[in-house]
């Protein structure tokens, strides 16, 4: 499955090849030649600032001079971003779990890319399956997120993946291809160094499969 998806998406290889240098987004050009990118999404966890600081501190402490070379990023709830940044002390990147494609106006509860950038965020998720399924975020909305995030000079991790029903019908490749094409519509070739693709099949999240 991994090879099939990689082959399917190889036409946009640059989307797989951003690398991080400190808090900066840089690029390489080979699909399998880039530095591994390890990321964790905290979702609706933890429940307090103290817990967030402890978790971020412990994760950062686990990265030592003996650790394999890899880029590491945490995507955390908005309210914990700055605290987590302070806790990791530059050892890894701290990003946001999403962003509104609008920069202002009557969008209660939304967080804009400009707000995130102003506190030092350089990476943001878009298209996570839970946002697609629970909150009804469409491919068009996700595309707008990607375009806005990139326009701010930030990196976006675009999440794609099929449901269990689609997987069982052998539709993984076609579903991912559509999500990828629609999600990156309007993104210029030279902007792909700000894009990472995360393949997260919906049926595999929290199921142990």
N, C-alpha and C. Protein backbone atom coordinates (compact mmCIF):
# COMPACT_ATOMS: atom_id res chain seq x y z
N UNK A 1 0.82 -1.21 0.00
CA UNK A 1 0.00 0.00 0.00
C UNK A 1 0.86 1.26 0.00
N UNK A 2 1.89 1.30 0.85
CA UNK A 2 2.73 2.49 0.91
C UNK A 2 3.42 2.74 -0.43
N UNK A 3 3.89 1.66 -1.05
CA UNK A 3 4.55 1.83 -2.34
C UNK A 3 3.56 2.29 -3.39
N UNK A 4 2.35 1.76 -3.33
CA UNK A 4 1.35 2.16 -4.31
C UNK A 4 1.02 3.64 -4.19
N UNK A 5 0.85 4.10 -2.98
CA UNK A 5 0.53 5.51 -2.76
C UNK A 5 1.71 6.38 -3.17
N UNK A 6 2.93 5.95 -2.81
CA UNK A 6 4.10 6.74 -3.18
C UNK A 6 4.23 6.86 -4.68
N UNK A 7 3.97 5.76 -5.39
CA UNK A 7 4.05 5.79 -6.84
C UNK A 7 2.98 6.70 -7.42
N UNK A 8 1.79 6.63 -6.83
CA UNK A 8 0.68 7.45 -7.29
C UNK A 8 1.01 8.92 -7.19
N UNK A 9 1.68 9.29 -6.10
CA UNK A 9 1.92 10.70 -5.83
C UNK A 9 3.29 11.18 -6.31
N UNK A 10 4.04 10.30 -6.93
CA UNK A 10 5.41 10.65 -7.32
C UNK A 10 5.45 11.80 -8.31
N UNK A 11 4.36 12.05 -9.02
CA UNK A 11 4.33 13.16 -9.97
C UNK A 11 4.46 14.50 -9.29
N UNK A 12 4.17 14.56 -7.99
CA UNK A 12 4.36 15.80 -7.24
C UNK A 12 5.39 15.55 -6.15
N UNK A 13 6.51 14.99 -6.57
CA UNK A 13 7.54 14.58 -5.60
C UNK A 13 7.99 15.71 -4.70
N UNK A 14 8.02 16.92 -5.22
CA UNK A 14 8.49 18.04 -4.40
C UNK A 14 7.62 18.24 -3.19
N UNK A 15 6.36 17.80 -3.28
CA UNK A 15 5.46 17.94 -2.14
C UNK A 15 5.90 17.07 -0.98
N UNK A 16 6.72 16.07 -1.25
CA UNK A 16 7.20 15.21 -0.20
C UNK A 16 8.56 15.62 0.32
N UNK A 17 9.14 16.66 -0.25
CA UNK A 17 10.55 16.87 0.02
C UNK A 17 10.96 18.12 0.77
N UNK A 18 10.05 18.82 1.48
CA UNK A 18 10.54 19.94 2.27
C UNK A 18 11.40 19.44 3.43
N UNK A 19 12.35 20.24 3.83
CA UNK A 19 13.12 19.94 5.02
C UNK A 19 13.12 21.17 5.91
N UNK A 20 13.35 20.97 7.19
CA UNK A 20 13.33 22.08 8.13
C UNK A 20 14.76 22.39 8.55
N UNK A 21 15.06 23.66 8.60
CA UNK A 21 16.36 24.09 9.11
C UNK A 21 16.07 25.07 10.24
N UNK A 22 16.19 24.59 11.48
CA UNK A 22 15.73 25.39 12.60
C UNK A 22 14.24 25.56 12.46
N UNK A 23 13.79 26.79 12.34
CA UNK A 23 12.38 27.07 12.13
C UNK A 23 12.09 27.49 10.71
N UNK A 24 13.02 27.23 9.79
CA UNK A 24 12.85 27.67 8.41
C UNK A 24 12.49 26.51 7.51
N UNK A 25 11.71 26.77 6.48
CA UNK A 25 11.34 25.77 5.50
C UNK A 25 12.31 25.83 4.34
N UNK A 26 13.02 24.73 4.09
CA UNK A 26 13.91 24.66 2.94
C UNK A 26 13.50 23.46 2.12
N UNK A 27 14.22 23.14 1.04
CA UNK A 27 13.76 22.04 0.22
C UNK A 27 14.90 21.20 -0.32
N UNK A 28 14.58 19.94 -0.64
CA UNK A 28 15.44 19.08 -1.42
C UNK A 28 14.60 18.63 -2.59
N UNK A 29 15.13 17.80 -3.46
CA UNK A 29 14.40 17.52 -4.69
C UNK A 29 14.09 16.06 -4.92
N UNK A 30 14.54 15.16 -4.05
CA UNK A 30 14.32 13.75 -4.29
C UNK A 30 13.28 13.20 -3.34
N UNK A 31 12.37 12.40 -3.90
CA UNK A 31 11.25 11.86 -3.13
C UNK A 31 11.73 11.07 -1.92
N UNK A 32 12.72 10.20 -2.10
CA UNK A 32 13.17 9.36 -1.00
C UNK A 32 14.51 9.82 -0.44
N UNK A 33 15.00 10.98 -0.86
CA UNK A 33 16.30 11.43 -0.43
C UNK A 33 16.25 12.46 0.69
N UNK A 34 15.06 12.90 1.09
CA UNK A 34 14.97 13.95 2.07
C UNK A 34 15.16 13.41 3.49
N UNK A 35 15.41 14.31 4.42
CA UNK A 35 15.49 13.95 5.83
C UNK A 35 14.12 13.50 6.31
N UNK A 36 14.02 12.42 7.06
CA UNK A 36 12.71 11.99 7.57
C UNK A 36 12.03 13.10 8.36
N UNK A 37 10.73 13.21 8.21
CA UNK A 37 9.93 14.22 8.92
C UNK A 37 8.99 13.47 9.86
N UNK A 38 9.25 13.61 11.16
CA UNK A 38 8.43 12.95 12.17
C UNK A 38 7.55 14.00 12.84
N UNK A 39 6.25 13.78 12.85
CA UNK A 39 5.35 14.76 13.46
C UNK A 39 4.30 14.08 14.32
N UNK A 40 3.81 14.83 15.27
CA UNK A 40 2.75 14.33 16.15
C UNK A 40 1.66 15.37 16.28
N UNK A 41 0.41 14.92 16.19
CA UNK A 41 -0.74 15.80 16.31
C UNK A 41 -1.41 15.54 17.66
N UNK A 42 -1.48 16.57 18.48
CA UNK A 42 -2.02 16.39 19.82
C UNK A 42 -3.55 16.35 19.87
N UNK A 43 -4.21 16.75 18.80
CA UNK A 43 -5.68 16.77 18.74
C UNK A 43 -6.25 17.59 19.91
N UNK A 44 -7.21 17.05 20.65
CA UNK A 44 -7.82 17.78 21.77
C UNK A 44 -7.16 17.34 23.08
N UNK A 45 -5.85 17.39 23.10
CA UNK A 45 -5.06 16.96 24.25
C UNK A 45 -3.83 17.86 24.37
N UNK A 46 -3.27 17.99 25.62
CA UNK A 46 -3.85 17.60 26.90
C UNK A 46 -4.87 18.64 27.36
N UNK A 47 -5.23 18.61 28.63
CA UNK A 47 -6.30 19.49 29.08
C UNK A 47 -5.83 20.72 29.85
N UNK A 48 -4.57 20.78 30.20
CA UNK A 48 -4.07 21.94 30.93
C UNK A 48 -2.74 22.41 30.35
N UNK A 49 -2.41 23.66 30.61
CA UNK A 49 -1.15 24.24 30.16
C UNK A 49 0.03 23.50 30.79
N UNK A 50 -0.06 23.20 32.07
CA UNK A 50 1.03 22.50 32.75
C UNK A 50 1.30 21.15 32.10
N UNK A 51 0.25 20.43 31.76
CA UNK A 51 0.42 19.13 31.10
C UNK A 51 1.06 19.29 29.73
N UNK A 52 0.67 20.34 29.02
CA UNK A 52 1.24 20.60 27.69
C UNK A 52 2.73 20.90 27.78
N UNK A 53 3.11 21.71 28.75
CA UNK A 53 4.52 22.07 28.93
C UNK A 53 5.32 20.83 29.31
N UNK A 54 4.78 20.01 30.19
CA UNK A 54 5.48 18.78 30.60
C UNK A 54 5.67 17.85 29.42
N UNK A 55 4.63 17.66 28.63
CA UNK A 55 4.71 16.77 27.48
C UNK A 55 5.72 17.28 26.46
N UNK A 56 5.65 18.57 26.13
CA UNK A 56 6.57 19.15 25.16
C UNK A 56 8.01 19.06 25.65
N UNK A 57 8.21 19.30 26.93
CA UNK A 57 9.55 19.24 27.51
C UNK A 57 10.12 17.82 27.42
N UNK A 58 9.29 16.83 27.72
CA UNK A 58 9.74 15.44 27.67
C UNK A 58 10.06 15.00 26.25
N UNK A 59 9.25 15.44 25.29
CA UNK A 59 9.52 15.09 23.89
C UNK A 59 10.83 15.71 23.43
N UNK A 60 11.02 16.99 23.76
CA UNK A 60 12.26 17.66 23.37
C UNK A 60 13.47 17.01 24.01
N UNK A 61 13.33 16.59 25.27
CA UNK A 61 14.44 15.97 25.99
C UNK A 61 14.84 14.63 25.38
N UNK A 62 13.89 13.99 24.69
CA UNK A 62 14.18 12.68 24.10
C UNK A 62 15.03 12.81 22.82
N UNK A 63 15.15 14.03 22.32
CA UNK A 63 15.97 14.27 21.13
C UNK A 63 17.38 14.63 21.60
N UNK A 64 18.32 13.74 21.33
CA UNK A 64 19.69 13.94 21.79
C UNK A 64 20.65 13.93 20.61
N UNK A 65 21.91 14.13 20.90
CA UNK A 65 22.94 14.12 19.86
C UNK A 65 23.04 12.75 19.21
N UNK A 66 22.58 11.71 19.91
CA UNK A 66 22.64 10.35 19.38
C UNK A 66 21.40 9.96 18.58
N UNK A 67 20.40 10.83 18.56
CA UNK A 67 19.16 10.52 17.84
C UNK A 67 19.42 10.53 16.34
N UNK A 68 18.75 9.64 15.59
CA UNK A 68 18.89 9.65 14.12
C UNK A 68 18.48 11.02 13.58
N UNK A 69 19.12 11.44 12.50
CA UNK A 69 18.80 12.73 11.92
C UNK A 69 17.37 12.74 11.39
N UNK A 70 16.58 13.65 11.85
CA UNK A 70 15.19 13.76 11.41
C UNK A 70 14.66 15.14 11.77
N UNK A 71 13.72 15.63 10.97
CA UNK A 71 12.99 16.85 11.30
C UNK A 71 11.81 16.45 12.15
N UNK A 72 11.55 17.19 13.20
CA UNK A 72 10.47 16.85 14.13
C UNK A 72 9.56 18.05 14.33
N UNK A 73 8.26 17.79 14.32
CA UNK A 73 7.28 18.87 14.55
C UNK A 73 6.13 18.35 15.39
N UNK A 74 5.63 19.20 16.25
CA UNK A 74 4.44 18.91 17.03
C UNK A 74 3.33 19.86 16.59
N UNK A 75 2.14 19.32 16.36
CA UNK A 75 0.98 20.16 16.05
C UNK A 75 0.08 20.13 17.27
N UNK A 76 -0.05 21.29 17.91
CA UNK A 76 -0.69 21.35 19.22
C UNK A 76 -1.89 22.30 19.20
N UNK A 77 -2.80 22.18 20.17
CA UNK A 77 -3.92 23.11 20.26
C UNK A 77 -3.44 24.55 20.33
N UNK A 78 -4.21 25.44 19.74
CA UNK A 78 -3.81 26.86 19.65
C UNK A 78 -3.35 27.44 20.98
N UNK A 79 -4.12 27.15 22.05
CA UNK A 79 -3.85 27.80 23.34
C UNK A 79 -2.53 27.37 23.96
N UNK A 80 -1.96 26.26 23.46
CA UNK A 80 -0.70 25.77 24.03
C UNK A 80 0.51 26.04 23.14
N UNK A 81 0.31 26.66 22.00
CA UNK A 81 1.41 26.82 21.04
C UNK A 81 2.61 27.55 21.64
N UNK A 82 2.40 28.72 22.20
CA UNK A 82 3.52 29.50 22.71
C UNK A 82 4.19 28.82 23.91
N UNK A 83 3.39 28.20 24.76
CA UNK A 83 3.97 27.48 25.90
C UNK A 83 4.82 26.31 25.43
N UNK A 84 4.32 25.59 24.43
CA UNK A 84 5.07 24.45 23.89
C UNK A 84 6.35 24.92 23.22
N UNK A 85 6.28 26.04 22.51
CA UNK A 85 7.49 26.59 21.87
C UNK A 85 8.56 26.88 22.92
N UNK A 86 8.15 27.47 24.01
CA UNK A 86 9.11 27.78 25.06
C UNK A 86 9.69 26.51 25.67
N UNK A 87 8.86 25.49 25.79
CA UNK A 87 9.29 24.24 26.43
C UNK A 87 10.30 23.48 25.58
N UNK A 88 10.14 23.50 24.26
CA UNK A 88 11.05 22.73 23.39
C UNK A 88 12.33 23.49 23.08
N UNK A 89 12.33 24.79 23.32
CA UNK A 89 13.54 25.61 23.21
C UNK A 89 14.27 25.44 21.87
N UNK A 90 13.50 25.40 20.80
CA UNK A 90 14.09 25.37 19.46
C UNK A 90 14.56 24.00 18.99
N UNK A 91 14.39 22.96 19.80
CA UNK A 91 14.87 21.64 19.40
C UNK A 91 13.99 21.00 18.33
N UNK A 92 12.77 21.47 18.21
CA UNK A 92 11.84 20.99 17.20
C UNK A 92 10.84 22.08 16.89
N UNK A 93 10.06 21.87 15.85
CA UNK A 93 9.06 22.86 15.46
C UNK A 93 7.73 22.61 16.15
N UNK A 94 7.04 23.68 16.48
CA UNK A 94 5.69 23.59 17.04
C UNK A 94 4.74 24.27 16.08
N UNK A 95 3.78 23.52 15.56
CA UNK A 95 2.84 24.04 14.58
C UNK A 95 1.41 24.04 15.08
N UNK A 96 0.51 24.52 14.24
CA UNK A 96 -0.91 24.60 14.57
C UNK A 96 -1.68 23.46 13.92
N UNK A 97 -2.80 23.11 14.51
CA UNK A 97 -3.62 22.01 14.00
C UNK A 97 -4.53 22.44 12.86
N UNK A 98 -4.50 23.70 12.52
CA UNK A 98 -5.33 24.18 11.42
C UNK A 98 -5.31 25.69 11.38
N UNK A 99 -5.92 26.26 10.33
CA UNK A 99 -6.00 27.71 10.20
C UNK A 99 -7.19 28.07 9.31
N UNK A 100 -7.80 29.20 9.60
CA UNK A 100 -8.89 29.70 8.78
C UNK A 100 -8.30 30.39 7.55
N UNK A 101 -8.86 30.17 6.37
CA UNK A 101 -8.33 30.83 5.17
C UNK A 101 -8.65 32.31 5.09
N UNK A 102 -9.49 32.81 6.00
CA UNK A 102 -9.82 34.23 6.02
C UNK A 102 -8.87 34.97 6.96
N UNK A 103 -8.64 36.24 6.68
CA UNK A 103 -7.74 37.03 7.51
C UNK A 103 -8.46 37.94 8.50
N UNK A 104 -9.77 38.01 8.42
CA UNK A 104 -10.51 38.84 9.35
C UNK A 104 -11.99 38.75 9.05
N UNK A 105 -12.79 39.33 9.95
CA UNK A 105 -14.23 39.34 9.71
C UNK A 105 -15.00 38.53 10.73
N UNK A 106 -16.27 38.27 10.39
CA UNK A 106 -17.19 37.60 11.31
C UNK A 106 -17.04 36.08 11.23
N UNK A 107 -15.95 35.58 11.80
CA UNK A 107 -15.66 34.15 11.80
C UNK A 107 -15.35 33.72 13.24
N UNK A 108 -16.37 33.73 14.07
CA UNK A 108 -16.20 33.44 15.48
C UNK A 108 -15.49 32.11 15.71
N UNK A 109 -14.47 32.15 16.55
CA UNK A 109 -13.73 30.95 16.90
C UNK A 109 -12.61 30.60 15.96
N UNK A 110 -12.47 31.34 14.87
CA UNK A 110 -11.44 31.03 13.88
C UNK A 110 -10.09 31.63 14.26
N UNK A 111 -9.04 31.02 13.74
CA UNK A 111 -7.68 31.50 13.93
C UNK A 111 -7.06 31.69 12.56
N UNK A 112 -6.56 32.87 12.27
CA UNK A 112 -6.01 33.14 10.93
C UNK A 112 -4.54 32.79 10.84
N UNK A 113 -4.07 32.68 9.60
CA UNK A 113 -2.65 32.41 9.38
C UNK A 113 -1.79 33.57 9.88
N UNK A 114 -2.30 34.79 9.73
CA UNK A 114 -1.54 35.96 10.21
C UNK A 114 -1.37 35.91 11.72
N UNK A 115 -2.41 35.49 12.43
CA UNK A 115 -2.31 35.35 13.89
C UNK A 115 -1.24 34.33 14.26
N UNK A 116 -1.26 33.20 13.56
CA UNK A 116 -0.31 32.13 13.85
C UNK A 116 1.12 32.59 13.54
N UNK A 117 1.28 33.23 12.39
CA UNK A 117 2.62 33.68 11.99
C UNK A 117 3.16 34.69 12.99
N UNK A 118 2.27 35.51 13.56
CA UNK A 118 2.72 36.56 14.48
C UNK A 118 3.32 36.00 15.78
N UNK A 119 3.01 34.73 16.09
CA UNK A 119 3.58 34.13 17.30
C UNK A 119 4.67 33.11 16.96
N UNK A 120 5.08 33.11 15.69
CA UNK A 120 6.22 32.28 15.31
C UNK A 120 5.90 30.92 14.74
N UNK A 121 4.64 30.67 14.41
CA UNK A 121 4.27 29.38 13.83
C UNK A 121 4.72 29.31 12.37
N UNK A 122 5.35 28.21 12.00
CA UNK A 122 5.82 28.03 10.63
C UNK A 122 5.18 26.84 9.92
N UNK A 123 4.45 25.99 10.66
CA UNK A 123 3.80 24.82 10.07
C UNK A 123 2.36 24.70 10.56
N UNK A 124 1.48 24.32 9.65
CA UNK A 124 0.07 24.17 9.99
C UNK A 124 -0.50 22.96 9.26
N UNK A 125 -1.37 22.23 9.93
CA UNK A 125 -2.07 21.12 9.30
C UNK A 125 -3.22 21.63 8.44
N UNK A 126 -3.57 20.85 7.43
CA UNK A 126 -4.78 21.12 6.63
C UNK A 126 -5.30 19.78 6.13
N UNK A 127 -6.61 19.62 6.12
CA UNK A 127 -7.21 18.42 5.54
C UNK A 127 -7.22 17.20 6.42
N UNK A 128 -6.99 17.35 7.72
CA UNK A 128 -7.01 16.17 8.59
C UNK A 128 -8.38 15.49 8.49
N UNK A 129 -8.38 14.17 8.54
CA UNK A 129 -9.62 13.41 8.34
C UNK A 129 -10.70 13.80 9.34
N UNK A 130 -10.32 14.11 10.56
CA UNK A 130 -11.31 14.50 11.56
C UNK A 130 -11.95 15.83 11.21
N UNK A 131 -11.18 16.73 10.60
CA UNK A 131 -11.75 18.00 10.15
C UNK A 131 -12.67 17.77 8.94
N UNK A 132 -12.29 16.86 8.10
CA UNK A 132 -13.12 16.55 6.93
C UNK A 132 -14.45 15.92 7.36
N UNK A 133 -14.36 14.92 8.25
CA UNK A 133 -15.54 14.12 8.62
C UNK A 133 -16.41 14.82 9.66
N UNK A 134 -15.81 15.28 10.76
CA UNK A 134 -16.58 15.84 11.87
C UNK A 134 -17.05 17.26 11.58
N UNK A 135 -16.18 18.06 10.98
CA UNK A 135 -16.48 19.47 10.78
C UNK A 135 -16.87 19.81 9.34
N UNK A 136 -16.90 18.80 8.48
CA UNK A 136 -17.39 19.00 7.12
C UNK A 136 -16.52 19.87 6.24
N UNK A 137 -15.22 19.93 6.53
CA UNK A 137 -14.33 20.73 5.69
C UNK A 137 -14.19 20.07 4.32
N UNK A 138 -14.49 20.81 3.29
CA UNK A 138 -14.48 20.29 1.92
C UNK A 138 -13.11 20.43 1.28
N UNK A 139 -12.94 19.79 0.14
CA UNK A 139 -11.67 19.92 -0.59
C UNK A 139 -11.42 21.38 -0.98
N UNK A 140 -12.49 22.11 -1.33
CA UNK A 140 -12.34 23.52 -1.69
C UNK A 140 -11.87 24.35 -0.50
N UNK A 141 -12.43 24.08 0.66
CA UNK A 141 -12.04 24.82 1.87
C UNK A 141 -10.61 24.48 2.25
N UNK A 142 -10.26 23.22 2.15
CA UNK A 142 -8.90 22.77 2.47
C UNK A 142 -7.90 23.40 1.50
N UNK A 143 -8.28 23.49 0.23
CA UNK A 143 -7.43 24.14 -0.76
C UNK A 143 -7.21 25.60 -0.40
N UNK A 144 -8.29 26.27 0.04
CA UNK A 144 -8.17 27.68 0.45
C UNK A 144 -7.23 27.81 1.64
N UNK A 145 -7.29 26.86 2.56
CA UNK A 145 -6.37 26.86 3.69
C UNK A 145 -4.92 26.75 3.21
N UNK A 146 -4.68 25.78 2.33
CA UNK A 146 -3.32 25.56 1.83
C UNK A 146 -2.77 26.82 1.15
N UNK A 147 -3.59 27.42 0.31
CA UNK A 147 -3.15 28.61 -0.42
C UNK A 147 -2.83 29.76 0.53
N UNK A 148 -3.68 29.93 1.55
CA UNK A 148 -3.45 31.02 2.49
C UNK A 148 -2.21 30.77 3.35
N UNK A 149 -2.05 29.54 3.80
CA UNK A 149 -0.88 29.19 4.62
C UNK A 149 0.40 29.45 3.83
N UNK A 150 0.42 28.99 2.59
CA UNK A 150 1.61 29.16 1.76
C UNK A 150 1.86 30.63 1.45
N UNK A 151 0.79 31.38 1.22
CA UNK A 151 0.94 32.81 0.91
C UNK A 151 1.56 33.58 2.06
N UNK A 152 1.42 33.05 3.27
CA UNK A 152 2.02 33.69 4.44
C UNK A 152 3.47 33.25 4.64
N UNK A 153 3.97 32.40 3.72
CA UNK A 153 5.34 31.94 3.84
C UNK A 153 5.53 30.81 4.82
N UNK A 154 4.41 30.18 5.21
CA UNK A 154 4.46 29.07 6.15
C UNK A 154 4.41 27.75 5.40
N UNK A 155 4.72 26.66 6.11
CA UNK A 155 4.62 25.33 5.53
C UNK A 155 3.30 24.69 5.90
N UNK A 156 2.75 23.88 5.01
CA UNK A 156 1.49 23.20 5.27
C UNK A 156 1.69 21.69 5.16
N UNK A 157 1.15 20.96 6.11
CA UNK A 157 1.10 19.51 6.02
C UNK A 157 -0.32 19.13 5.59
N UNK A 158 -0.45 18.75 4.33
CA UNK A 158 -1.75 18.38 3.78
C UNK A 158 -2.01 16.90 4.06
N UNK A 159 -3.08 16.62 4.77
CA UNK A 159 -3.43 15.25 5.12
C UNK A 159 -4.41 14.67 4.10
N UNK A 160 -4.11 13.47 3.63
CA UNK A 160 -5.00 12.78 2.70
C UNK A 160 -5.16 11.34 3.16
N UNK A 161 -6.26 10.71 2.79
CA UNK A 161 -6.46 9.31 3.18
C UNK A 161 -7.89 8.87 2.95
N UNK A 162 -8.04 7.58 2.77
CA UNK A 162 -9.35 7.01 2.45
C UNK A 162 -10.04 6.44 3.69
N UNK A 163 -11.35 6.27 3.59
CA UNK A 163 -12.14 5.67 4.66
C UNK A 163 -12.01 4.14 4.57
N UNK A 164 -12.51 3.43 5.58
CA UNK A 164 -12.46 1.96 5.57
C UNK A 164 -13.24 1.41 4.39
N UNK A 165 -14.41 1.98 4.13
CA UNK A 165 -15.23 1.51 3.00
C UNK A 165 -14.48 1.69 1.69
N UNK A 166 -13.84 2.84 1.53
CA UNK A 166 -13.08 3.10 0.30
C UNK A 166 -11.87 2.17 0.20
N UNK A 167 -11.24 1.89 1.34
CA UNK A 167 -10.11 0.98 1.36
C UNK A 167 -10.53 -0.42 0.93
N UNK A 168 -11.65 -0.89 1.48
CA UNK A 168 -12.13 -2.23 1.17
C UNK A 168 -12.57 -2.36 -0.29
N UNK A 169 -12.92 -1.25 -0.91
CA UNK A 169 -13.29 -1.25 -2.33
C UNK A 169 -12.10 -0.97 -3.23
N UNK A 170 -10.90 -0.97 -2.64
CA UNK A 170 -9.66 -0.75 -3.39
C UNK A 170 -9.65 0.62 -4.08
N UNK A 171 -10.16 1.63 -3.36
CA UNK A 171 -10.24 2.97 -3.93
C UNK A 171 -9.22 3.93 -3.32
N UNK A 172 -8.29 3.39 -2.54
CA UNK A 172 -7.33 4.26 -1.84
C UNK A 172 -6.60 5.18 -2.80
N UNK A 173 -6.08 4.61 -3.88
CA UNK A 173 -5.31 5.41 -4.83
C UNK A 173 -6.09 6.53 -5.44
N UNK A 174 -7.31 6.23 -5.90
CA UNK A 174 -8.11 7.26 -6.57
C UNK A 174 -8.58 8.32 -5.59
N UNK A 175 -8.94 7.92 -4.37
CA UNK A 175 -9.40 8.89 -3.36
C UNK A 175 -8.26 9.85 -3.01
N UNK A 176 -7.07 9.30 -2.77
CA UNK A 176 -5.92 10.13 -2.41
C UNK A 176 -5.52 11.05 -3.56
N UNK A 177 -5.63 10.54 -4.78
CA UNK A 177 -5.27 11.35 -5.95
C UNK A 177 -6.19 12.57 -6.06
N UNK A 178 -7.48 12.37 -5.83
CA UNK A 178 -8.44 13.47 -5.90
C UNK A 178 -8.17 14.48 -4.79
N UNK A 179 -7.97 13.99 -3.57
CA UNK A 179 -7.72 14.89 -2.45
C UNK A 179 -6.44 15.69 -2.66
N UNK A 180 -5.43 15.04 -3.21
CA UNK A 180 -4.17 15.72 -3.47
C UNK A 180 -4.32 16.78 -4.55
N UNK A 181 -4.99 16.40 -5.64
CA UNK A 181 -5.17 17.33 -6.75
C UNK A 181 -5.98 18.55 -6.33
N UNK A 182 -7.08 18.31 -5.62
CA UNK A 182 -7.93 19.42 -5.20
C UNK A 182 -7.29 20.25 -4.09
N UNK A 183 -6.60 19.58 -3.18
CA UNK A 183 -5.98 20.29 -2.07
C UNK A 183 -4.88 21.23 -2.51
N UNK A 184 -4.15 20.84 -3.57
CA UNK A 184 -3.02 21.65 -4.03
C UNK A 184 -3.34 22.46 -5.28
N UNK A 185 -4.61 22.56 -5.62
CA UNK A 185 -5.00 23.35 -6.80
C UNK A 185 -4.52 24.80 -6.64
N UNK A 186 -3.83 25.29 -7.65
CA UNK A 186 -3.36 26.67 -7.61
C UNK A 186 -2.03 26.87 -6.93
N UNK A 187 -1.47 25.80 -6.36
CA UNK A 187 -0.14 25.90 -5.73
C UNK A 187 0.92 25.79 -6.83
N UNK A 188 1.76 26.78 -6.94
CA UNK A 188 2.78 26.80 -7.98
C UNK A 188 3.89 25.80 -7.69
N UNK A 189 4.53 25.34 -8.74
CA UNK A 189 5.61 24.36 -8.59
C UNK A 189 6.68 24.84 -7.63
N UNK A 190 7.02 26.11 -7.73
CA UNK A 190 8.07 26.64 -6.88
C UNK A 190 7.63 26.79 -5.42
N UNK A 191 6.34 26.63 -5.15
CA UNK A 191 5.84 26.72 -3.78
C UNK A 191 5.75 25.35 -3.10
N UNK A 192 5.99 24.28 -3.85
CA UNK A 192 5.86 22.94 -3.29
C UNK A 192 6.90 22.63 -2.22
N UNK A 193 7.94 23.47 -2.11
CA UNK A 193 8.89 23.25 -1.04
C UNK A 193 8.31 23.63 0.32
N UNK A 194 7.10 24.16 0.32
CA UNK A 194 6.43 24.51 1.57
C UNK A 194 5.31 23.52 1.89
N UNK A 195 5.31 22.38 1.19
CA UNK A 195 4.23 21.40 1.34
C UNK A 195 4.79 20.04 1.74
N UNK A 196 4.15 19.41 2.71
CA UNK A 196 4.42 18.03 3.07
C UNK A 196 3.08 17.29 2.98
N UNK A 197 3.11 16.07 2.44
CA UNK A 197 1.90 15.27 2.35
C UNK A 197 1.92 14.21 3.44
N UNK A 198 0.86 14.14 4.23
CA UNK A 198 0.72 13.12 5.26
C UNK A 198 -0.38 12.15 4.83
N UNK A 199 0.00 10.90 4.58
CA UNK A 199 -0.99 9.88 4.25
C UNK A 199 -1.51 9.27 5.54
N UNK A 200 -2.77 9.53 5.85
CA UNK A 200 -3.37 9.03 7.08
C UNK A 200 -4.71 8.40 6.75
N UNK A 201 -4.72 7.10 6.44
CA UNK A 201 -5.98 6.42 6.14
C UNK A 201 -6.91 6.49 7.34
N UNK A 202 -8.13 6.96 7.13
CA UNK A 202 -9.08 7.17 8.21
C UNK A 202 -9.31 5.90 9.00
N UNK A 203 -9.37 4.77 8.33
CA UNK A 203 -9.69 3.50 8.98
C UNK A 203 -8.58 3.01 9.91
N UNK A 204 -7.38 3.56 9.78
CA UNK A 204 -6.25 3.09 10.59
C UNK A 204 -6.04 3.92 11.85
N UNK A 205 -6.74 5.03 11.98
CA UNK A 205 -6.53 5.94 13.11
C UNK A 205 -7.19 5.38 14.36
N UNK A 206 -6.38 5.01 15.34
CA UNK A 206 -6.90 4.54 16.61
C UNK A 206 -7.54 3.15 16.57
N UNK A 207 -7.36 2.42 15.47
CA UNK A 207 -8.00 1.11 15.36
C UNK A 207 -7.03 -0.05 15.57
N UNK A 208 -5.74 0.25 15.44
CA UNK A 208 -4.74 -0.81 15.57
C UNK A 208 -4.57 -1.63 14.31
N UNK A 209 -5.29 -1.27 13.23
CA UNK A 209 -5.19 -2.03 11.98
C UNK A 209 -3.99 -1.55 11.17
